[in-house]
């Protein structure tokens, strides 16, 4: 694609996407994928450890374990994309300074606008995509993961039974042991200890199996005995049976209320301060991607001896300050300490000022004023 340019400076025809644009965009895409993968793996691993603890304790089923992992990965990828993009721009621009590619760009007449053009050819479409992901996909994934966890907690008892091991449920009040499990899911040599309100019930049976009946899910014990009583007393009841059925109670788990799992249709137009703050948080993700990329271009300028990561520490400080200020702003909006409109633009405007300061430090205040006056005129 080509475009016609006015006569005078930069006469002739100029390509809409130059070789420099393609080179920087390709480097940014490769670096972004690498950085985002590392960040997501670290964050999701920490979350997955907690989910895995629930699976070991029988609170989460093996069938939904990897579904929850995939949903948490989607949420983390959307949430941490701005910082991954920020670090990617810093790394790519820093490498270009180190390898003296920036000197070649400057000698060919390229300046800050040339660099911003190349960077934002990728950042702008990506920010538009992230807006949709932040508003719709991420809340859906969070809500779906919460529902899976809640469903597993409600049906947690007697999950994960395996031959040859003791399994504890209901915080140790229910202990189950089975010696063998056949291919038809029938249990053999079954031991069950159930503690309720100080009383203990112990069942030994030759076999057992599960059945779904209209009244709920039951476990049927066959050819065994049951001992019931209070530990420490001599008052015990011993019963033998040919068949004995026990209904497995379904626990009712209260639904966990999370603002980040609410649909955008509920948040949009709401006057509830918590909902307004949540909507501002979702919009801060694509805005953060744009503004952090704007800052990264002048921040990436380093000394030839400073290395690729010369300003990486400063970048981390800027991002963590920005993230903390966003959270503080949301808290103030919910507490009505800060007007909603100021909470939505205050921190982002501050980040824009920081970017302008870094740009002026790199090219000089006079250059920045001339560019602003030229755009206004």
Protein backbone atom coordinates (compact mmCIF):
# COMPACT_ATOMS: atom_id res chain seq x y z
CA UNK A 1 0.00 0.00 0.00
CA UNK A 2 1.23 3.48 -0.82
CA UNK A 3 -0.01 6.99 -0.13
CA UNK A 4 0.42 10.32 -1.89
CA UNK A 5 2.25 12.98 0.10
CA UNK A 6 2.15 16.76 -0.55
CA UNK A 7 4.96 18.35 -2.50
CA UNK A 8 7.83 19.85 -0.59
CA UNK A 9 9.51 18.09 2.27
CA UNK A 10 9.45 14.29 1.80
CA UNK A 11 8.35 14.60 -1.83
CA UNK A 12 7.05 11.68 -3.81
CA UNK A 13 5.39 8.53 -2.62
CA UNK A 14 5.97 6.89 0.72
CA UNK A 15 4.99 3.41 1.82
CA UNK A 16 2.45 3.19 4.61
CA UNK A 17 4.41 0.33 6.22
CA UNK A 18 8.18 0.72 5.87
CA UNK A 19 10.93 -1.83 6.30
CA UNK A 20 11.79 -0.26 9.67
CA UNK A 21 8.15 -0.62 10.78
CA UNK A 22 8.14 -4.31 9.87
CA UNK A 23 11.49 -4.95 11.57
CA UNK A 24 10.46 -3.31 14.86
CA UNK A 25 7.00 -4.91 14.81
CA UNK A 26 8.44 -8.39 14.26
CA UNK A 27 10.95 -7.94 17.08
CA UNK A 28 8.20 -6.64 19.36
CA UNK A 29 5.90 -9.58 18.62
CA UNK A 30 8.61 -12.17 19.32
CA UNK A 31 9.77 -10.42 22.49
CA UNK A 32 6.20 -9.85 23.68
CA UNK A 33 5.30 -13.52 23.32
CA UNK A 34 8.41 -14.54 25.27
CA UNK A 35 7.96 -12.01 28.08
CA UNK A 36 4.20 -12.62 28.40
CA UNK A 37 4.74 -16.39 28.52
CA UNK A 38 7.24 -16.07 31.36
CA UNK A 39 5.03 -13.70 33.37
CA UNK A 40 1.88 -15.78 32.87
CA UNK A 41 3.66 -19.02 33.81
CA UNK A 42 4.94 -17.46 37.04
CA UNK A 43 1.59 -15.95 38.03
CA UNK A 44 -0.56 -18.92 37.02
CA UNK A 45 1.83 -21.35 38.74
CA UNK A 46 1.26 -19.59 42.04
CA UNK A 47 -2.50 -19.70 41.56
CA UNK A 48 -2.40 -23.29 40.35
CA UNK A 49 -0.59 -24.40 43.51
CA UNK A 50 -3.59 -23.23 45.56
CA UNK A 51 -5.99 -25.02 43.21
CA UNK A 52 -3.82 -28.14 43.37
CA UNK A 53 -3.97 -28.06 47.17
CA UNK A 54 -7.74 -28.12 46.84
CA UNK A 55 -7.52 -31.06 44.45
CA UNK A 56 -5.33 -32.98 46.89
CA UNK A 57 -7.80 -32.24 49.69
CA UNK A 58 -10.67 -33.45 47.48
CA UNK A 59 -12.20 -29.97 47.05
CA UNK A 60 -11.48 -29.82 43.30
CA UNK A 61 -12.04 -32.71 40.91
CA UNK A 62 -9.37 -34.01 38.55
CA UNK A 63 -11.72 -33.47 35.60
CA UNK A 64 -11.94 -29.69 36.13
CA UNK A 65 -8.35 -29.13 37.24
CA UNK A 66 -6.97 -28.30 33.79
CA UNK A 67 -10.10 -26.38 32.81
CA UNK A 68 -9.49 -24.06 35.77
CA UNK A 69 -5.82 -23.79 34.79
CA UNK A 70 -6.76 -22.73 31.25
CA UNK A 71 -9.27 -20.14 32.49
CA UNK A 72 -6.77 -18.68 34.98
CA UNK A 73 -4.23 -18.46 32.15
CA UNK A 74 -6.63 -16.35 30.07
CA UNK A 75 -7.25 -13.97 32.98
CA UNK A 76 -3.54 -13.59 33.75
CA UNK A 77 -2.60 -13.06 30.08
CA UNK A 78 -5.08 -10.18 29.74
CA UNK A 79 -4.19 -8.58 33.06
CA UNK A 80 -0.42 -8.65 32.59
CA UNK A 81 -0.25 -7.84 28.89
CA UNK A 82 0.47 -4.10 29.52
CA UNK A 83 3.59 -4.82 31.58
CA UNK A 84 4.73 -7.45 29.06
CA UNK A 85 4.31 -4.94 26.24
CA UNK A 86 6.12 -2.27 28.27
CA UNK A 87 9.10 -4.54 28.90
CA UNK A 88 9.12 -5.70 25.28
CA UNK A 89 9.36 -2.14 23.94
CA UNK A 90 12.12 -1.36 26.43
CA UNK A 91 14.09 -4.45 25.40
CA UNK A 92 13.69 -3.96 21.63
CA UNK A 93 14.47 -0.23 21.72
CA UNK A 94 17.33 -0.81 24.14
CA UNK A 95 18.88 -3.40 21.84
CA UNK A 96 18.62 -0.98 18.92
CA UNK A 97 20.47 1.66 20.93
CA UNK A 98 23.13 -0.85 21.96
CA UNK A 99 23.68 -2.07 18.40
CA UNK A 100 23.81 1.56 17.11
CA UNK A 101 20.75 0.96 14.94
CA UNK A 102 19.21 4.13 16.38
CA UNK A 103 22.18 6.11 15.03
CA UNK A 104 21.46 4.70 11.57
CA UNK A 105 17.78 5.61 11.89
CA UNK A 106 18.68 9.16 12.98
CA UNK A 107 21.16 9.59 10.14
CA UNK A 108 18.40 8.62 7.68
CA UNK A 109 16.18 11.40 9.07
CA UNK A 110 14.14 9.27 11.45
CA UNK A 111 13.23 10.73 14.82
CA UNK A 112 10.81 10.13 17.66
CA UNK A 113 7.79 10.13 15.37
CA UNK A 114 9.37 7.41 13.22
CA UNK A 115 9.88 5.21 16.28
CA UNK A 116 6.40 5.87 17.65
CA UNK A 117 4.92 5.06 14.25
CA UNK A 118 6.65 1.67 14.19
CA UNK A 119 5.73 0.84 17.80
CA UNK A 120 2.10 1.95 17.66
CA UNK A 121 1.42 0.08 14.42
CA UNK A 122 1.41 -2.95 16.73
CA UNK A 123 0.34 -1.37 20.03
CA UNK A 124 -2.87 0.32 18.82
CA UNK A 125 -4.50 -2.82 17.26
CA UNK A 126 -3.34 -4.84 20.25
CA UNK A 127 -4.90 -2.33 22.67
CA UNK A 128 -8.21 -2.50 20.79
CA UNK A 129 -8.12 -6.29 21.06
CA UNK A 130 -7.25 -6.13 24.75
CA UNK A 131 -10.21 -3.80 25.36
CA UNK A 132 -12.59 -6.52 24.22
CA UNK A 133 -10.72 -9.19 26.17
CA UNK A 134 -10.71 -7.07 29.33
CA UNK A 135 -14.39 -6.16 29.13
CA UNK A 136 -15.85 -9.50 28.05
CA UNK A 137 -13.48 -12.49 27.86
CA UNK A 138 -11.60 -12.06 31.15
CA UNK A 139 -14.78 -11.67 33.29
CA UNK A 140 -16.29 -14.72 31.56
CA UNK A 141 -13.19 -16.81 32.30
CA UNK A 142 -13.13 -15.65 35.94
CA UNK A 143 -16.83 -16.40 36.37
CA UNK A 144 -16.50 -19.82 34.74
CA UNK A 145 -13.56 -20.77 36.98
CA UNK A 146 -15.49 -19.68 40.10
CA UNK A 147 -18.49 -21.79 39.08
CA UNK A 148 -16.32 -24.86 38.50
CA UNK A 149 -14.65 -24.47 41.89
CA UNK A 150 -18.01 -23.92 43.62
CA UNK A 151 -19.54 -26.98 41.96
CA UNK A 152 -16.57 -29.13 43.00
CA UNK A 153 -16.76 -27.89 46.59
CA UNK A 154 -20.45 -28.82 46.76
CA UNK A 155 -19.71 -32.39 45.62
CA UNK A 156 -16.37 -32.79 47.37
CA UNK A 157 -17.21 -35.74 49.67
CA UNK A 158 -15.97 -39.18 48.56
CA UNK A 159 -14.06 -37.80 45.58
CA UNK A 160 -10.69 -39.21 44.67
CA UNK A 161 -11.17 -42.67 46.21
CA UNK A 162 -8.25 -44.90 45.24
CA UNK A 163 -7.42 -48.47 46.12
CA UNK A 164 -4.98 -49.05 48.96
CA UNK A 165 -5.02 -45.59 50.58
CA UNK A 166 -6.88 -43.72 53.29
CA UNK A 167 -8.76 -40.65 52.07
CA UNK A 168 -9.91 -37.87 54.40
CA UNK A 169 -12.88 -35.60 53.72
CA UNK A 170 -14.84 -32.92 55.57
CA UNK A 171 -11.71 -31.80 57.46
CA UNK A 172 -10.99 -35.32 58.73
CA UNK A 173 -14.50 -36.12 59.97
CA UNK A 174 -14.89 -38.67 57.18
CA UNK A 175 -12.22 -41.33 56.54
CA UNK A 176 -12.58 -43.79 53.68
CA UNK A 177 -10.47 -46.82 52.76
CA UNK A 178 -10.97 -49.40 50.02
CA UNK A 179 -8.70 -52.31 49.30
CA UNK A 180 -9.60 -52.78 45.64
CA UNK A 181 -11.64 -51.07 42.89
CA UNK A 182 -12.74 -53.20 39.95
CA UNK A 183 -13.31 -52.07 36.37
CA UNK A 184 -17.10 -51.76 36.97
CA UNK A 185 -16.39 -49.20 39.76
CA UNK A 186 -17.31 -51.63 42.52
CA UNK A 187 -15.40 -51.25 45.79
CA UNK A 188 -14.12 -54.26 47.75
CA UNK A 189 -13.05 -54.51 51.40
CA UNK A 190 -14.42 -51.11 52.40
CA UNK A 191 -13.77 -49.24 55.65
CA UNK A 192 -15.63 -46.01 56.54
CA UNK A 193 -15.30 -43.87 59.68
CA UNK A 194 -17.73 -40.99 60.12
CA UNK A 195 -17.59 -38.51 63.04
CA UNK A 196 -20.63 -36.37 63.81
CA UNK A 197 -21.19 -34.28 66.95
CA UNK A 198 -18.84 -36.44 68.98
CA UNK A 199 -20.37 -39.74 67.87
CA UNK A 200 -18.41 -42.19 65.74
CA UNK A 201 -19.81 -44.58 63.15
CA UNK A 202 -17.53 -47.26 61.67
CA UNK A 203 -18.60 -49.44 58.76
CA UNK A 204 -16.75 -52.52 57.48
CA UNK A 205 -18.20 -54.15 54.37
CA UNK A 206 -17.20 -56.76 51.85
CA UNK A 207 -18.15 -54.49 48.94
CA UNK A 208 -19.87 -51.22 48.06
CA UNK A 209 -21.07 -49.27 45.04
CA UNK A 210 -22.58 -45.87 44.22
CA UNK A 211 -26.05 -45.28 42.79
CA UNK A 212 -27.89 -42.16 41.62
CA UNK A 213 -31.49 -42.26 42.89
CA UNK A 214 -34.31 -39.67 42.77
CA UNK A 215 -33.52 -38.69 46.36
CA UNK A 216 -29.86 -38.09 45.64
CA UNK A 217 -26.61 -40.05 45.44
CA UNK A 218 -26.25 -43.13 47.67
CA UNK A 219 -23.51 -45.55 48.56
CA UNK A 220 -24.67 -49.14 49.12
CA UNK A 221 -22.61 -51.34 51.47
CA UNK A 222 -22.98 -55.09 51.18
CA UNK A 223 -22.28 -57.87 53.74
CA UNK A 224 -20.75 -55.96 56.62
CA UNK A 225 -21.21 -54.53 60.07
CA UNK A 226 -21.60 -51.09 61.62
CA UNK A 227 -20.37 -49.94 65.02
CA UNK A 228 -21.87 -46.74 66.47
CA UNK A 229 -21.14 -45.05 69.75
CA UNK A 230 -19.46 -42.31 71.74
CA UNK A 231 -15.67 -42.63 72.18
CA UNK A 232 -14.73 -43.16 75.85
CA UNK A 233 -18.01 -44.84 76.81
CA UNK A 234 -19.08 -48.48 76.78
CA UNK A 235 -22.40 -47.77 75.08
CA UNK A 236 -21.87 -49.07 71.55
CA UNK A 237 -24.29 -50.48 69.02
CA UNK A 238 -23.05 -53.24 66.69
CA UNK A 239 -25.17 -54.09 63.68
CA UNK A 240 -24.64 -56.58 60.89
CA UNK A 241 -26.30 -56.15 57.52
CA UNK A 242 -26.62 -57.73 54.11
CA UNK A 243 -27.15 -54.33 52.48
CA UNK A 244 -26.94 -50.85 53.96
CA UNK A 245 -27.44 -47.59 52.09
CA UNK A 246 -26.10 -44.19 53.09
CA UNK A 247 -27.18 -40.99 51.35
CA UNK A 248 -24.28 -38.74 50.39
CA UNK A 249 -25.20 -35.25 51.48
CA UNK A 250 -24.63 -32.42 49.01
CA UNK A 251 -23.00 -29.42 50.61
CA UNK A 252 -24.35 -25.97 49.89
CA UNK A 253 -21.47 -23.58 49.24
CA UNK A 254 -22.19 -19.88 49.20
CA UNK A 255 -21.41 -18.28 45.87
CA UNK A 256 -18.33 -16.10 46.03
CA UNK A 257 -18.96 -12.52 44.96
CA UNK A 258 -16.17 -11.16 42.79
CA UNK A 259 -16.45 -7.89 40.94
CA UNK A 260 -13.95 -8.99 38.28
CA UNK A 261 -16.33 -11.78 37.20
CA UNK A 262 -19.36 -9.54 36.65
CA UNK A 263 -20.63 -8.90 33.14
CA UNK A 264 -19.95 -5.50 31.59
CA UNK A 265 -23.69 -4.98 31.03
CA UNK A 266 -24.15 -4.94 34.81
CA UNK A 267 -21.29 -2.50 35.36
CA UNK A 268 -22.08 -0.09 32.53
CA UNK A 269 -24.25 2.80 33.66
CA UNK A 270 -24.31 1.62 37.27
CA UNK A 271 -24.11 4.18 40.07
CA UNK A 272 -22.61 1.71 42.55
CA UNK A 273 -19.13 2.96 43.37
CA UNK A 274 -17.64 -0.55 43.47
CA UNK A 275 -18.96 -1.26 39.98
CA UNK A 276 -17.62 2.06 38.67
CA UNK A 277 -14.18 1.25 40.10
CA UNK A 278 -14.24 -2.20 38.49
CA UNK A 279 -15.16 -0.74 35.11
CA UNK A 280 -12.29 1.76 35.43
CA UNK A 281 -9.92 -1.13 36.24
CA UNK A 282 -10.90 -2.93 33.05
CA UNK A 283 -10.39 0.16 30.92
CA UNK A 284 -7.04 0.82 32.60
CA UNK A 285 -5.62 -2.36 30.98
CA UNK A 286 -5.75 -1.15 27.33
CA UNK A 287 -4.96 2.43 28.43
CA UNK A 288 -1.97 1.11 30.34
CA UNK A 289 -0.75 -0.71 27.24
CA UNK A 290 -0.88 2.54 25.23
CA UNK A 291 0.63 4.84 27.86
CA UNK A 292 3.36 2.46 29.02
CA UNK A 293 4.41 1.95 25.38
CA UNK A 294 4.47 5.75 24.98
CA UNK A 295 6.82 6.00 27.96
CA UNK A 296 9.01 3.07 26.89
CA UNK A 297 10.29 4.74 23.69
CA UNK A 298 12.18 7.63 25.37
CA UNK A 299 12.96 5.54 28.45
CA UNK A 300 14.81 2.97 26.33
CA UNK A 301 17.61 5.41 25.48
CA UNK A 302 20.73 4.04 27.13
CA UNK A 303 24.45 4.52 27.10
CA UNK A 304 26.24 2.21 24.63
CA UNK A 305 27.98 0.66 27.65
CA UNK A 306 24.81 0.41 29.70
CA UNK A 307 23.53 -2.84 28.17
CA UNK A 308 20.09 -3.74 26.88
CA UNK A 309 18.59 -3.66 30.35
CA UNK A 310 20.05 -0.32 31.40
CA UNK A 311 16.68 1.28 32.21
CA UNK A 312 14.79 -1.92 33.10
CA UNK A 313 14.87 -1.17 36.84
CA UNK A 314 13.39 2.28 36.23
CA UNK A 315 10.76 0.64 34.05
CA UNK A 316 9.80 -1.77 36.83
CA UNK A 317 9.52 1.10 39.31
CA UNK A 318 7.28 3.04 36.92
CA UNK A 319 5.02 0.03 36.31
CA UNK A 320 4.69 -0.93 39.98
CA UNK A 321 3.99 2.68 40.92
CA UNK A 322 1.38 2.88 38.17
CA UNK A 323 -0.27 -0.39 39.23
CA UNK A 324 -0.37 0.59 42.91
CA UNK A 325 -1.77 4.03 42.10
CA UNK A 326 -4.50 2.41 39.98
CA UNK A 327 -5.50 0.18 42.92
CA UNK A 328 -5.38 3.10 45.37
CA UNK A 329 -7.50 5.18 43.00
CA UNK A 330 -10.10 2.40 42.79
CA UNK A 331 -10.22 2.17 46.57
CA UNK A 332 -10.73 5.92 46.86
CA UNK A 333 -13.50 5.81 44.26
CA UNK A 334 -15.29 3.04 46.20
CA UNK A 335 -14.90 4.99 49.45
CA UNK A 336 -16.08 8.17 47.70
CA UNK A 337 -12.83 9.86 48.70
CA UNK A 338 -12.16 10.62 45.04
CA UNK A 339 -14.70 11.64 42.36
CA UNK A 340 -15.35 8.88 39.85
CA UNK A 341 -14.22 10.99 36.87
CA UNK A 342 -10.92 11.84 38.54
CA UNK A 343 -10.34 8.22 39.48
CA UNK A 344 -10.78 7.26 35.86
CA UNK A 345 -8.33 9.73 34.30
CA UNK A 346 -6.10 10.95 37.15
CA UNK A 347 -3.46 8.20 37.20
CA UNK A 348 -3.46 7.84 33.41
CA UNK A 349 -2.97 11.59 32.98
CA UNK A 350 -0.06 11.43 35.44
CA UNK A 351 1.50 8.66 33.34
CA UNK A 352 1.07 10.81 30.23
CA UNK A 353 2.90 13.66 31.98
CA UNK A 354 5.75 11.31 32.91
CA UNK A 355 6.01 10.24 29.27
CA UNK A 356 6.11 13.85 28.09
CA UNK A 357 8.87 14.59 30.61
CA UNK A 358 10.96 11.66 29.40
CA UNK A 359 10.40 12.68 25.79
CA UNK A 360 11.47 16.26 26.55
CA UNK A 361 14.53 15.00 28.41
CA UNK A 362 15.54 13.00 25.35
CA UNK A 363 14.91 15.60 22.64
CA UNK A 364 14.73 18.84 24.63
CA UNK A 365 11.82 21.00 25.74
CA UNK A 366 12.12 23.28 22.75
CA UNK A 367 11.66 20.36 20.34
CA UNK A 368 8.60 19.17 22.28
CA UNK A 369 7.03 22.64 22.28
CA UNK A 370 7.63 22.99 18.55
CA UNK A 371 5.97 19.65 17.87
CA UNK A 372 2.96 20.56 20.07
CA UNK A 373 2.59 23.96 18.39
CA UNK A 374 2.83 22.31 14.97
CA UNK A 375 0.06 19.83 15.82
CA UNK A 376 -2.16 22.56 17.26
CA UNK A 377 -1.70 24.87 14.30
